[in-house]
């Protein structure tokens, strides 16, 4: 059985999905979130320990993954599809395009 590839969607489409209840998951590193900003309401997930977050999420939950680029979000989105999640998408252009589209971003607290 072949898994469906996760959708690559525009930041605007991602924002609309999140507004309609999709779980927004940010898999950028802590240093990138501090340097570039955070997305309010996003779940922070370690791309190398997805079970920590997704072990408690229903496979029917719509999920939008954002990283610094599609090279970071694609493997996470593909892993979620492989785990049986049915509605997974990732953001074309990553966080930078999310921010440039005027979607919500806030300064991350300084690491310390």
PDB file of N, CA and C in Angstrom:
ATOM      1  N   UNK A   1       0.851  -1.176   0.000  1.00  0.00           N
ATOM      2  CA  UNK A   1       0.000   0.000   0.000  1.00  0.00           C
ATOM      3  C   UNK A   1       0.894   1.235   0.000  1.00  0.00           C
ATOM      4  N   UNK A   2       0.609   2.189  -0.854  1.00  0.00           N
ATOM      5  CA  UNK A   2       1.408   3.388  -0.975  1.00  0.00           C
ATOM      6  C   UNK A   2       0.781   4.508  -0.165  1.00  0.00           C
ATOM      7  N   UNK A   3       1.613   5.190   0.618  1.00  0.00           N
ATOM      8  CA  UNK A   3       1.126   6.335   1.380  1.00  0.00           C
ATOM      9  C   UNK A   3       1.031   7.531   0.453  1.00  0.00           C
ATOM     10  N   UNK A   4       0.056   8.366   0.715  1.00  0.00           N
ATOM     11  CA  UNK A   4      -0.078   9.595  -0.040  1.00  0.00           C
ATOM     12  C   UNK A   4       0.977  10.577   0.461  1.00  0.00           C
ATOM     13  N   UNK A   5       1.573  11.312  -0.456  1.00  0.00           N
ATOM     14  CA  UNK A   5       2.555  12.320  -0.075  1.00  0.00           C
ATOM     15  C   UNK A   5       1.844  13.473   0.625  1.00  0.00           C
ATOM     16  N   UNK A   6       2.511  14.091   1.602  1.00  0.00           N
ATOM     17  CA  UNK A   6       1.884  15.248   2.245  1.00  0.00           C
ATOM     18  C   UNK A   6       1.780  16.413   1.270  1.00  0.00           C
ATOM     19  N   UNK A   7       0.751  17.232   1.456  1.00  0.00           N
ATOM     20  CA  UNK A   7       0.553  18.394   0.599  1.00  0.00           C
ATOM     21  C   UNK A   7       1.595  19.464   0.897  1.00  0.00           C
ATOM     22  N   UNK A   8       2.115  20.100  -0.136  1.00  0.00           N
ATOM     23  CA  UNK A   8       2.951  21.287  -0.005  1.00  0.00           C
ATOM     24  C   UNK A   8       2.021  22.460  -0.291  1.00  0.00           C
ATOM     25  N   UNK A   9       1.784  23.300   0.711  1.00  0.00           N
ATOM     26  CA  UNK A   9       0.786  24.360   0.579  1.00  0.00           C
ATOM     27  C   UNK A   9       1.408  25.732   0.813  1.00  0.00           C
ATOM     28  N   UNK A  10       0.744  26.741   0.295  1.00  0.00           N
ATOM     29  CA  UNK A  10       1.206  28.117   0.472  1.00  0.00           C
ATOM     30  C   UNK A  10       1.020  28.527   1.930  1.00  0.00           C
ATOM     31  N   UNK A  11       1.760  29.525   2.376  1.00  0.00           N
ATOM     32  CA  UNK A  11       1.551  30.026   3.740  1.00  0.00           C
ATOM     33  C   UNK A  11       0.107  30.488   3.965  1.00  0.00           C
ATOM     34  N   UNK A  12      -0.499  31.108   2.959  1.00  0.00           N
ATOM     35  CA  UNK A  12      -1.882  31.568   3.097  1.00  0.00           C
ATOM     36  C   UNK A  12      -2.823  30.388   3.321  1.00  0.00           C
ATOM     37  N   UNK A  13      -2.623  29.317   2.551  1.00  0.00           N
ATOM     38  CA  UNK A  13      -3.436  28.111   2.749  1.00  0.00           C
ATOM     39  C   UNK A  13      -3.169  27.507   4.121  1.00  0.00           C
ATOM     40  N   UNK A  14      -1.912  27.532   4.557  1.00  0.00           N
ATOM     41  CA  UNK A  14      -1.562  27.011   5.884  1.00  0.00           C
ATOM     42  C   UNK A  14      -2.285  27.796   6.967  1.00  0.00           C
ATOM     43  N   UNK A  15      -2.254  29.124   6.851  1.00  0.00           N
ATOM     44  CA  UNK A  15      -2.945  29.963   7.824  1.00  0.00           C
ATOM     45  C   UNK A  15      -4.432  29.669   7.869  1.00  0.00           C
ATOM     46  N   UNK A  16      -5.026  29.446   6.704  1.00  0.00           N
ATOM     47  CA  UNK A  16      -6.455  29.126   6.646  1.00  0.00           C
ATOM     48  C   UNK A  16      -6.735  27.776   7.305  1.00  0.00           C
ATOM     49  N   UNK A  17      -5.884  26.791   7.055  1.00  0.00           N
ATOM     50  CA  UNK A  17      -6.077  25.472   7.679  1.00  0.00           C
ATOM     51  C   UNK A  17      -5.977  25.582   9.203  1.00  0.00           C
ATOM     52  N   UNK A  18      -4.988  26.347   9.675  1.00  0.00           N
ATOM     53  CA  UNK A  18      -4.827  26.525  11.118  1.00  0.00           C
ATOM     54  C   UNK A  18      -6.048  27.247  11.691  1.00  0.00           C
ATOM     55  N   UNK A  19      -6.537  28.274  11.008  1.00  0.00           N
ATOM     56  CA  UNK A  19      -7.732  28.997  11.463  1.00  0.00           C
ATOM     57  C   UNK A  19      -8.943  28.073  11.539  1.00  0.00           C
ATOM     58  N   UNK A  20      -8.945  27.025  10.705  1.00  0.00           N
ATOM     59  CA  UNK A  20     -10.044  26.057  10.697  1.00  0.00           C
ATOM     60  C   UNK A  20      -9.784  24.862  11.606  1.00  0.00           C
ATOM     61  N   UNK A  21      -8.748  24.951  12.448  1.00  0.00           N
ATOM     62  CA  UNK A  21      -8.546  23.913  13.455  1.00  0.00           C
ATOM     63  C   UNK A  21      -7.371  22.987  13.275  1.00  0.00           C
ATOM     64  N   UNK A  22      -6.593  23.139  12.200  1.00  0.00           N
ATOM     65  CA  UNK A  22      -5.425  22.269  12.028  1.00  0.00           C
ATOM     66  C   UNK A  22      -4.394  22.563  13.119  1.00  0.00           C
ATOM     67  N   UNK A  23      -3.684  21.545  13.507  1.00  0.00           N
ATOM     68  CA  UNK A  23      -2.603  21.661  14.473  1.00  0.00           C
ATOM     69  C   UNK A  23      -1.363  22.167  13.742  1.00  0.00           C
ATOM     70  N   UNK A  24      -0.839  23.309  14.173  1.00  0.00           N
ATOM     71  CA  UNK A  24       0.366  23.871  13.565  1.00  0.00           C
ATOM     72  C   UNK A  24       1.566  23.396  14.364  1.00  0.00           C
ATOM     73  N   UNK A  25       2.516  22.771  13.680  1.00  0.00           N
ATOM     74  CA  UNK A  25       3.685  22.197  14.339  1.00  0.00           C
ATOM     75  C   UNK A  25       4.944  22.838  13.771  1.00  0.00           C
ATOM     76  N   UNK A  26       5.722  23.447  14.658  1.00  0.00           N
ATOM     77  CA  UNK A  26       6.971  24.112  14.284  1.00  0.00           C
ATOM     78  C   UNK A  26       8.119  23.186  14.660  1.00  0.00           C
ATOM     79  N   UNK A  27       8.872  22.732  13.653  1.00  0.00           N
ATOM     80  CA  UNK A  27       9.985  21.816  13.908  1.00  0.00           C
ATOM     81  C   UNK A  27      11.343  22.498  13.752  1.00  0.00           C
ATOM     82  N   UNK A  28      11.351  23.848  13.760  1.00  0.00           N
ATOM     83  CA  UNK A  28      12.625  24.557  13.709  1.00  0.00           C
ATOM     84  C   UNK A  28      13.356  24.398  15.041  1.00  0.00           C
ATOM     85  N   UNK A  29      14.651  24.601  15.005  1.00  0.00           N
ATOM     86  CA  UNK A  29      15.449  24.510  16.221  1.00  0.00           C
ATOM     87  C   UNK A  29      15.127  25.683  17.147  1.00  0.00           C
ATOM     88  N   UNK A  30      15.441  25.512  18.429  1.00  0.00           N
ATOM     89  CA  UNK A  30      15.227  26.584  19.406  1.00  0.00           C
ATOM     90  C   UNK A  30      16.007  27.834  19.000  1.00  0.00           C
ATOM     91  N   UNK A  31      17.208  27.652  18.492  1.00  0.00           N
ATOM     92  CA  UNK A  31      18.016  28.811  18.108  1.00  0.00           C
ATOM     93  C   UNK A  31      17.372  29.573  16.949  1.00  0.00           C
ATOM     94  N   UNK A  32      16.747  28.868  16.005  1.00  0.00           N
ATOM     95  CA  UNK A  32      16.066  29.541  14.888  1.00  0.00           C
ATOM     96  C   UNK A  32      14.830  30.283  15.388  1.00  0.00           C
ATOM     97  N   UNK A  33      14.098  29.691  16.331  1.00  0.00           N
ATOM     98  CA  UNK A  33      12.913  30.374  16.862  1.00  0.00           C
ATOM     99  C   UNK A  33      13.318  31.638  17.607  1.00  0.00           C
ATOM    100  N   UNK A  34      14.438  31.592  18.344  1.00  0.00           N
ATOM    101  CA  UNK A  34      14.912  32.773  19.055  1.00  0.00           C
ATOM    102  C   UNK A  34      15.366  33.832  18.055  1.00  0.00           C
ATOM    103  N   UNK A  35      16.098  33.418  17.038  1.00  0.00           N
ATOM    104  CA  UNK A  35      16.634  34.373  16.059  1.00  0.00           C
ATOM    105  C   UNK A  35      15.552  34.967  15.167  1.00  0.00           C
ATOM    106  N   UNK A  36      14.593  34.152  14.734  1.00  0.00           N
ATOM    107  CA  UNK A  36      13.637  34.578  13.716  1.00  0.00           C
ATOM    108  C   UNK A  36      12.248  34.904  14.239  1.00  0.00           C
ATOM    109  N   UNK A  37      11.904  34.383  15.392  1.00  0.00           N
ATOM    110  CA  UNK A  37      10.574  34.578  15.944  1.00  0.00           C
ATOM    111  C   UNK A  37       9.806  33.274  16.021  1.00  0.00           C
ATOM    112  N   UNK A  38       8.714  33.337  16.742  1.00  0.00           N
ATOM    113  CA  UNK A  38       7.882  32.156  16.970  1.00  0.00           C
ATOM    114  C   UNK A  38       6.507  32.389  16.354  1.00  0.00           C
ATOM    115  N   UNK A  39       5.806  31.307  16.129  1.00  0.00           N
ATOM    116  CA  UNK A  39       4.439  31.386  15.621  1.00  0.00           C
ATOM    117  C   UNK A  39       3.508  31.142  16.802  1.00  0.00           C
ATOM    118  N   UNK A  40       2.693  32.141  17.144  1.00  0.00           N
ATOM    119  CA  UNK A  40       1.800  31.971  18.292  1.00  0.00           C
ATOM    120  C   UNK A  40       0.898  30.747  18.125  1.00  0.00           C
ATOM    121  N   UNK A  41       0.820  29.955  19.184  1.00  0.00           N
ATOM    122  CA  UNK A  41      -0.051  28.782  19.177  1.00  0.00           C
ATOM    123  C   UNK A  41       0.546  27.534  18.561  1.00  0.00           C
ATOM    124  N   UNK A  42       1.715  27.649  17.945  1.00  0.00           N
ATOM    125  CA  UNK A  42       2.325  26.464  17.326  1.00  0.00           C
ATOM    126  C   UNK A  42       2.825  25.502  18.398  1.00  0.00           C
ATOM    127  N   UNK A  43       2.697  24.237  18.114  1.00  0.00           N
ATOM    128  CA  UNK A  43       3.276  23.194  18.948  1.00  0.00           C
ATOM    129  C   UNK A  43       4.729  23.062  18.515  1.00  0.00           C
ATOM    130  N   UNK A  44       5.635  23.058  19.470  1.00  0.00           N
ATOM    131  CA  UNK A  44       7.054  22.897  19.171  1.00  0.00           C
ATOM    132  C   UNK A  44       7.367  21.409  19.239  1.00  0.00           C
ATOM    133  N   UNK A  45       7.964  20.886  18.187  1.00  0.00           N
ATOM    134  CA  UNK A  45       8.287  19.465  18.150  1.00  0.00           C
ATOM    135  C   UNK A  45       9.720  19.267  17.702  1.00  0.00           C
ATOM    136  N   UNK A  46      10.369  18.312  18.316  1.00  0.00           N
ATOM    137  CA  UNK A  46      11.711  17.901  17.904  1.00  0.00           C
ATOM    138  C   UNK A  46      11.540  16.949  16.730  1.00  0.00           C
ATOM    139  N   UNK A  47      12.081  17.308  15.590  1.00  0.00           N
ATOM    140  CA  UNK A  47      11.888  16.483  14.392  1.00  0.00           C
ATOM    141  C   UNK A  47      12.456  15.080  14.551  1.00  0.00           C
ATOM    142  N   UNK A  48      13.322  14.885  15.560  1.00  0.00           N
ATOM    143  CA  UNK A  48      13.926  13.569  15.794  1.00  0.00           C
ATOM    144  C   UNK A  48      13.186  12.778  16.871  1.00  0.00           C
ATOM    145  N   UNK A  49      12.146  13.372  17.466  1.00  0.00           N
ATOM    146  CA  UNK A  49      11.371  12.689  18.503  1.00  0.00           C
ATOM    147  C   UNK A  49       9.894  13.027  18.322  1.00  0.00           C
ATOM    148  N   UNK A  50       9.373  12.676  17.172  1.00  0.00           N
ATOM    149  CA  UNK A  50       7.988  13.021  16.856  1.00  0.00           C
ATOM    150  C   UNK A  50       6.977  12.318  17.756  1.00  0.00           C
ATOM    151  N   UNK A  51       7.333  11.148  18.259  1.00  0.00           N
ATOM    152  CA  UNK A  51       6.386  10.412  19.108  1.00  0.00           C
ATOM    153  C   UNK A  51       6.028  11.196  20.356  1.00  0.00           C
ATOM    154  N   UNK A  52       6.934  12.081  20.813  1.00  0.00           N
ATOM    155  CA  UNK A  52       6.664  12.878  22.014  1.00  0.00           C
ATOM    156  C   UNK A  52       5.422  13.734  21.835  1.00  0.00           C
ATOM    157  N   UNK A  53       5.200  14.247  20.654  1.00  0.00           N
ATOM    158  CA  UNK A  53       4.021  15.074  20.389  1.00  0.00           C
ATOM    159  C   UNK A  53       2.907  14.251  19.774  1.00  0.00           C
ATOM    160  N   UNK A  54       3.247  13.462  18.780  1.00  0.00           N
ATOM    161  CA  UNK A  54       2.207  12.826  17.980  1.00  0.00           C
ATOM    162  C   UNK A  54       1.701  11.512  18.534  1.00  0.00           C
ATOM    163  N   UNK A  55       2.302  11.029  19.605  1.00  0.00           N
ATOM    164  CA  UNK A  55       1.792   9.830  20.248  1.00  0.00           C
ATOM    165  C   UNK A  55       0.448  10.074  20.916  1.00  0.00           C
ATOM    166  N   UNK A  56       0.097  11.345  21.154  1.00  0.00           N
ATOM    167  CA  UNK A  56      -1.146  11.673  21.849  1.00  0.00           C
ATOM    168  C   UNK A  56      -2.148  12.402  20.950  1.00  0.00           C
ATOM    169  N   UNK A  57      -1.846  12.501  19.669  1.00  0.00           N
ATOM    170  CA  UNK A  57      -2.704  13.203  18.712  1.00  0.00           C
ATOM    171  C   UNK A  57      -3.435  12.179  17.848  1.00  0.00           C
ATOM    172  N   UNK A  58      -4.722  12.375  17.657  1.00  0.00           N
ATOM    173  CA  UNK A  58      -5.500  11.479  16.803  1.00  0.00           C
ATOM    174  C   UNK A  58      -4.996  11.541  15.360  1.00  0.00           C
ATOM    175  N   UNK A  59      -4.954  10.391  14.698  1.00  0.00           N
ATOM    176  CA  UNK A  59      -4.495  10.350  13.305  1.00  0.00           C
ATOM    177  C   UNK A  59      -5.450  11.094  12.363  1.00  0.00           C
ATOM    178  N   UNK A  60      -6.628  11.453  12.849  1.00  0.00           N
ATOM    179  CA  UNK A  60      -7.579  12.230  12.044  1.00  0.00           C
ATOM    180  C   UNK A  60      -7.355  13.736  12.168  1.00  0.00           C
ATOM    181  N   UNK A  61      -6.461  14.150  13.057  1.00  0.00           N
ATOM    182  CA  UNK A  61      -6.197  15.570  13.270  1.00  0.00           C
ATOM    183  C   UNK A  61      -5.484  16.163  12.065  1.00  0.00           C
ATOM    184  N   UNK A  62      -6.002  17.251  11.492  1.00  0.00           N
ATOM    185  CA  UNK A  62      -5.273  17.918  10.413  1.00  0.00           C
ATOM    186  C   UNK A  62      -4.012  18.570  10.994  1.00  0.00           C
ATOM    187  N   UNK A  63      -2.898  18.425  10.298  1.00  0.00           N
ATOM    188  CA  UNK A  63      -1.608  18.919  10.777  1.00  0.00           C
ATOM    189  C   UNK A  63      -0.940  19.736   9.682  1.00  0.00           C
ATOM    190  N   UNK A  64      -0.373  20.885  10.079  1.00  0.00           N
ATOM    191  CA  UNK A  64       0.448  21.712   9.200  1.00  0.00           C
ATOM    192  C   UNK A  64       1.823  21.801   9.849  1.00  0.00           C
ATOM    193  N   UNK A  65       2.853  21.415   9.108  1.00  0.00           N
ATOM    194  CA  UNK A  65       4.229  21.431   9.607  1.00  0.00           C
ATOM    195  C   UNK A  65       4.968  22.608   8.983  1.00  0.00           C
ATOM    196  N   UNK A  66       5.693  23.347   9.818  1.00  0.00           N
ATOM    197  CA  UNK A  66       6.530  24.436   9.325  1.00  0.00           C
ATOM    198  C   UNK A  66       7.937  24.261   9.867  1.00  0.00           C
ATOM    199  N   UNK A  67       8.899  24.562   9.021  1.00  0.00           N
ATOM    200  CA  UNK A  67      10.306  24.526   9.399  1.00  0.00           C
ATOM    201  C   UNK A  67      10.955  25.747   8.754  1.00  0.00           C
ATOM    202  N   UNK A  68      12.262  25.764   8.709  1.00  0.00           N
ATOM    203  CA  UNK A  68      12.945  26.860   8.041  1.00  0.00           C
ATOM    204  C   UNK A  68      12.840  26.764   6.535  1.00  0.00           C
ATOM    205  N   UNK A  69      12.613  25.556   6.034  1.00  0.00           N
ATOM    206  CA  UNK A  69      12.477  25.324   4.595  1.00  0.00           C
ATOM    207  C   UNK A  69      11.735  24.016   4.386  1.00  0.00           C
ATOM    208  N   UNK A  70      11.361  23.754   3.142  1.00  0.00           N
ATOM    209  CA  UNK A  70      10.687  22.481   2.850  1.00  0.00           C
ATOM    210  C   UNK A  70      11.629  21.299   3.062  1.00  0.00           C
ATOM    211  N   UNK A  71      12.931  21.538   3.009  1.00  0.00           N
ATOM    212  CA  UNK A  71      13.875  20.449   3.259  1.00  0.00           C
ATOM    213  C   UNK A  71      13.794  19.965   4.700  1.00  0.00           C
ATOM    214  N   UNK A  72      13.357  20.831   5.601  1.00  0.00           N
ATOM    215  CA  UNK A  72      13.171  20.437   6.991  1.00  0.00           C
ATOM    216  C   UNK A  72      11.779  19.915   7.271  1.00  0.00           C
ATOM    217  N   UNK A  73      10.772  20.526   6.658  1.00  0.00           N
ATOM    218  CA  UNK A  73       9.394  20.120   6.944  1.00  0.00           C
ATOM    219  C   UNK A  73       8.962  18.868   6.185  1.00  0.00           C
ATOM    220  N   UNK A  74       9.473  18.674   4.964  1.00  0.00           N
ATOM    221  CA  UNK A  74       9.049  17.525   4.161  1.00  0.00           C
ATOM    222  C   UNK A  74       9.293  16.191   4.870  1.00  0.00           C
ATOM    223  N   UNK A  75      10.508  15.934   5.403  1.00  0.00           N
ATOM    224  CA  UNK A  75      10.709  14.634   6.056  1.00  0.00           C
ATOM    225  C   UNK A  75       9.797  14.424   7.269  1.00  0.00           C
ATOM    226  N   UNK A  76       9.507  15.490   7.983  1.00  0.00           N
ATOM    227  CA  UNK A  76       8.611  15.375   9.136  1.00  0.00           C
ATOM    228  C   UNK A  76       7.194  15.058   8.650  1.00  0.00           C
ATOM    229  N   UNK A  77       6.726  15.784   7.648  1.00  0.00           N
ATOM    230  CA  UNK A  77       5.390  15.544   7.099  1.00  0.00           C
ATOM    231  C   UNK A  77       5.287  14.123   6.533  1.00  0.00           C
ATOM    232  N   UNK A  78       6.323  13.685   5.828  1.00  0.00           N
ATOM    233  CA  UNK A  78       6.324  12.321   5.282  1.00  0.00           C
ATOM    234  C   UNK A  78       6.302  11.281   6.392  1.00  0.00           C
ATOM    235  N   UNK A  79       7.027  11.533   7.475  1.00  0.00           N
ATOM    236  CA  UNK A  79       7.036  10.595   8.602  1.00  0.00           C
ATOM    237  C   UNK A  79       5.655  10.506   9.242  1.00  0.00           C
ATOM    238  N   UNK A  80       4.965  11.630   9.330  1.00  0.00           N
ATOM    239  CA  UNK A  80       3.617  11.620   9.903  1.00  0.00           C
ATOM    240  C   UNK A  80       2.650  10.846   9.017  1.00  0.00           C
ATOM    241  N   UNK A  81       2.746  11.036   7.716  1.00  0.00           N
ATOM    242  CA  UNK A  81       1.910  10.263   6.786  1.00  0.00           C
ATOM    243  C   UNK A  81       2.206   8.772   6.952  1.00  0.00           C
ATOM    244  N   UNK A  82       3.482   8.430   7.063  1.00  0.00           N
ATOM    245  CA  UNK A  82       3.876   7.017   7.233  1.00  0.00           C
ATOM    246  C   UNK A  82       3.331   6.437   8.543  1.00  0.00           C
ATOM    247  N   UNK A  83       3.132   7.303   9.545  1.00  0.00           N
ATOM    248  CA  UNK A  83       2.571   6.865  10.835  1.00  0.00           C
ATOM    249  C   UNK A  83       1.050   6.746  10.781  1.00  0.00           C
ATOM    250  N   UNK A  84       0.448   7.117   9.653  1.00  0.00           N
ATOM    251  CA  UNK A  84      -0.989   6.947   9.502  1.00  0.00           C
ATOM    252  C   UNK A  84      -1.816   8.221   9.605  1.00  0.00           C
ATOM    253  N   UNK A  85      -1.158   9.374   9.784  1.00  0.00           N
ATOM    254  CA  UNK A  85      -1.913  10.626   9.816  1.00  0.00           C
ATOM    255  C   UNK A  85      -2.458  10.900   8.423  1.00  0.00           C
ATOM    256  N   UNK A  86      -3.744  11.232   8.367  1.00  0.00           N
ATOM    257  CA  UNK A  86      -4.433  11.302   7.081  1.00  0.00           C
ATOM    258  C   UNK A  86      -4.402  12.673   6.429  1.00  0.00           C
ATOM    259  N   UNK A  87      -4.228  13.733   7.203  1.00  0.00           N
ATOM    260  CA  UNK A  87      -4.346  15.096   6.668  1.00  0.00           C
ATOM    261  C   UNK A  87      -3.123  15.901   7.094  1.00  0.00           C
ATOM    262  N   UNK A  88      -2.036  15.746   6.352  1.00  0.00           N
ATOM    263  CA  UNK A  88      -0.767  16.393   6.693  1.00  0.00           C
ATOM    264  C   UNK A  88      -0.322  17.281   5.536  1.00  0.00           C
ATOM    265  N   UNK A  89       0.090  18.492   5.886  1.00  0.00           N
ATOM    266  CA  UNK A  89       0.612  19.419   4.891  1.00  0.00           C
ATOM    267  C   UNK A  89       1.843  20.099   5.480  1.00  0.00           C
ATOM    268  N   UNK A  90       2.676  20.650   4.594  1.00  0.00           N
ATOM    269  CA  UNK A  90       3.798  21.455   5.063  1.00  0.00           C
ATOM    270  C   UNK A  90       3.877  22.712   4.223  1.00  0.00           C
ATOM    271  N   UNK A  91       4.536  23.739   4.795  1.00  0.00           N
ATOM    272  CA  UNK A  91       4.478  25.091   4.249  1.00  0.00           C
ATOM    273  C   UNK A  91       5.584  25.325   3.227  1.00  0.00           C
ATOM    274  N   UNK A  92       5.156  25.683   2.027  1.00  0.00           N
ATOM    275  CA  UNK A  92       6.082  26.034   0.959  1.00  0.00           C
ATOM    276  C   UNK A  92       6.819  27.317   1.347  1.00  0.00           C
ATOM    277  N   UNK A  93       8.143  27.263   1.358  1.00  0.00           N
ATOM    278  CA  UNK A  93       8.935  28.427   1.735  1.00  0.00           C
ATOM    279  C   UNK A  93       9.211  28.532   3.217  1.00  0.00           C
ATOM    280  N   UNK A  94       8.642  27.623   4.008  1.00  0.00           N
ATOM    281  CA  UNK A  94       8.926  27.567   5.426  1.00  0.00           C
ATOM    282  C   UNK A  94       8.519  28.817   6.193  1.00  0.00           C
ATOM    283  N   UNK A  95       9.169  28.978   7.338  1.00  0.00           N
ATOM    284  CA  UNK A  95       8.840  30.074   8.239  1.00  0.00           C
ATOM    285  C   UNK A  95       8.985  31.443   7.573  1.00  0.00           C
ATOM    286  N   UNK A  96      10.025  31.626   6.779  1.00  0.00           N
ATOM    287  CA  UNK A  96      10.252  32.942   6.155  1.00  0.00           C
ATOM    288  C   UNK A  96       9.047  33.350   5.306  1.00  0.00           C
ATOM    289  N   UNK A  97       8.489  32.413   4.545  1.00  0.00           N
ATOM    290  CA  UNK A  97       7.327  32.743   3.719  1.00  0.00           C
ATOM    291  C   UNK A  97       6.071  32.925   4.568  1.00  0.00           C
ATOM    292  N   UNK A  98       5.969  32.161   5.662  1.00  0.00           N
ATOM    293  CA  UNK A  98       4.864  32.358   6.615  1.00  0.00           C
ATOM    294  C   UNK A  98       4.887  33.809   7.102  1.00  0.00           C
ATOM    295  N   UNK A  99       6.056  34.253   7.561  1.00  0.00           N
ATOM    296  CA  UNK A  99       6.221  35.624   8.076  1.00  0.00           C
ATOM    297  C   UNK A  99       5.957  36.638   6.966  1.00  0.00           C
ATOM    298  N   UNK A 100       6.542  36.416   5.782  1.00  0.00           N
ATOM    299  CA  UNK A 100       6.405  37.365   4.682  1.00  0.00           C
ATOM    300  C   UNK A 100       4.963  37.469   4.174  1.00  0.00           C
ATOM    301  N   UNK A 101       4.157  36.441   4.426  1.00  0.00           N
ATOM    302  CA  UNK A 101       2.744  36.465   4.030  1.00  0.00           C
ATOM    303  C   UNK A 101       1.897  37.263   5.030  1.00  0.00           C
ATOM    304  N   UNK A 102       2.547  37.759   6.091  1.00  0.00           N
ATOM    305  CA  UNK A 102       1.824  38.547   7.077  1.00  0.00           C
ATOM    306  C   UNK A 102       1.085  37.724   8.110  1.00  0.00           C
ATOM    307  N   UNK A 103       1.420  36.446   8.192  1.00  0.00           N
ATOM    308  CA  UNK A 103       0.780  35.583   9.180  1.00  0.00           C
ATOM    309  C   UNK A 103       1.404  35.837  10.552  1.00  0.00           C
ATOM    310  N   UNK A 104       0.720  35.444  11.627  1.00  0.00           N
ATOM    311  CA  UNK A 104       1.172  35.800  12.974  1.00  0.00           C
ATOM    312  C   UNK A 104       2.577  35.283  13.316  1.00  0.00           C
ATOM    313  N   UNK A 105       3.384  36.206  13.840  1.00  0.00           N
ATOM    314  CA  UNK A 105       4.729  35.899  14.320  1.00  0.00           C
ATOM    315  C   UNK A 105       4.966  36.786  15.535  1.00  0.00           C
ATOM    316  N   UNK A 106       5.623  36.236  16.524  1.00  0.00           N
ATOM    317  CA  UNK A 106       5.997  37.031  17.685  1.00  0.00           C
ATOM    318  C   UNK A 106       7.459  36.786  18.009  1.00  0.00           C
ATOM    319  N   UNK A 107       8.067  37.757  18.661  1.00  0.00           N
ATOM    320  CA  UNK A 107       9.452  37.574  19.071  1.00  0.00           C
ATOM    321  C   UNK A 107       9.503  36.441  20.084  1.00  0.00           C
ATOM    322  N   UNK A 108      10.451  35.555  19.903  1.00  0.00           N
ATOM    323  CA  UNK A 108      10.611  34.456  20.849  1.00  0.00           C
ATOM    324  C   UNK A 108      11.367  34.960  22.059  1.00  0.00           C
ATOM    325  N   UNK A 109      11.087  34.420  23.238  1.00  0.00           N
ATOM    326  CA  UNK A 109      11.859  34.830  24.399  1.00  0.00           C
ATOM    327  C   UNK A 109      13.322  34.442  24.225  1.00  0.00           C
ATOM    328  N   UNK A 110      14.184  35.270  24.732  1.00  0.00           N
ATOM    329  CA  UNK A 110      15.617  34.997  24.624  1.00  0.00           C
ATOM    330  C   UNK A 110      15.952  33.703  25.368  1.00  0.00           C
ATOM    331  N   UNK A 111      16.825  32.931  24.785  1.00  0.00           N
ATOM    332  CA  UNK A 111      17.270  31.699  25.440  1.00  0.00           C
ATOM    333  C   UNK A 111      18.083  32.082  26.662  1.00  0.00           C
ATOM    334  N   UNK A 112      17.953  31.301  27.679  1.00  0.00           N
ATOM    335  CA  UNK A 112      18.748  31.658  28.827  1.00  0.00           C
ATOM    336  C   UNK A 112      18.528  30.796  29.918  1.00  0.00           C
TER     337      UNK A 112
END
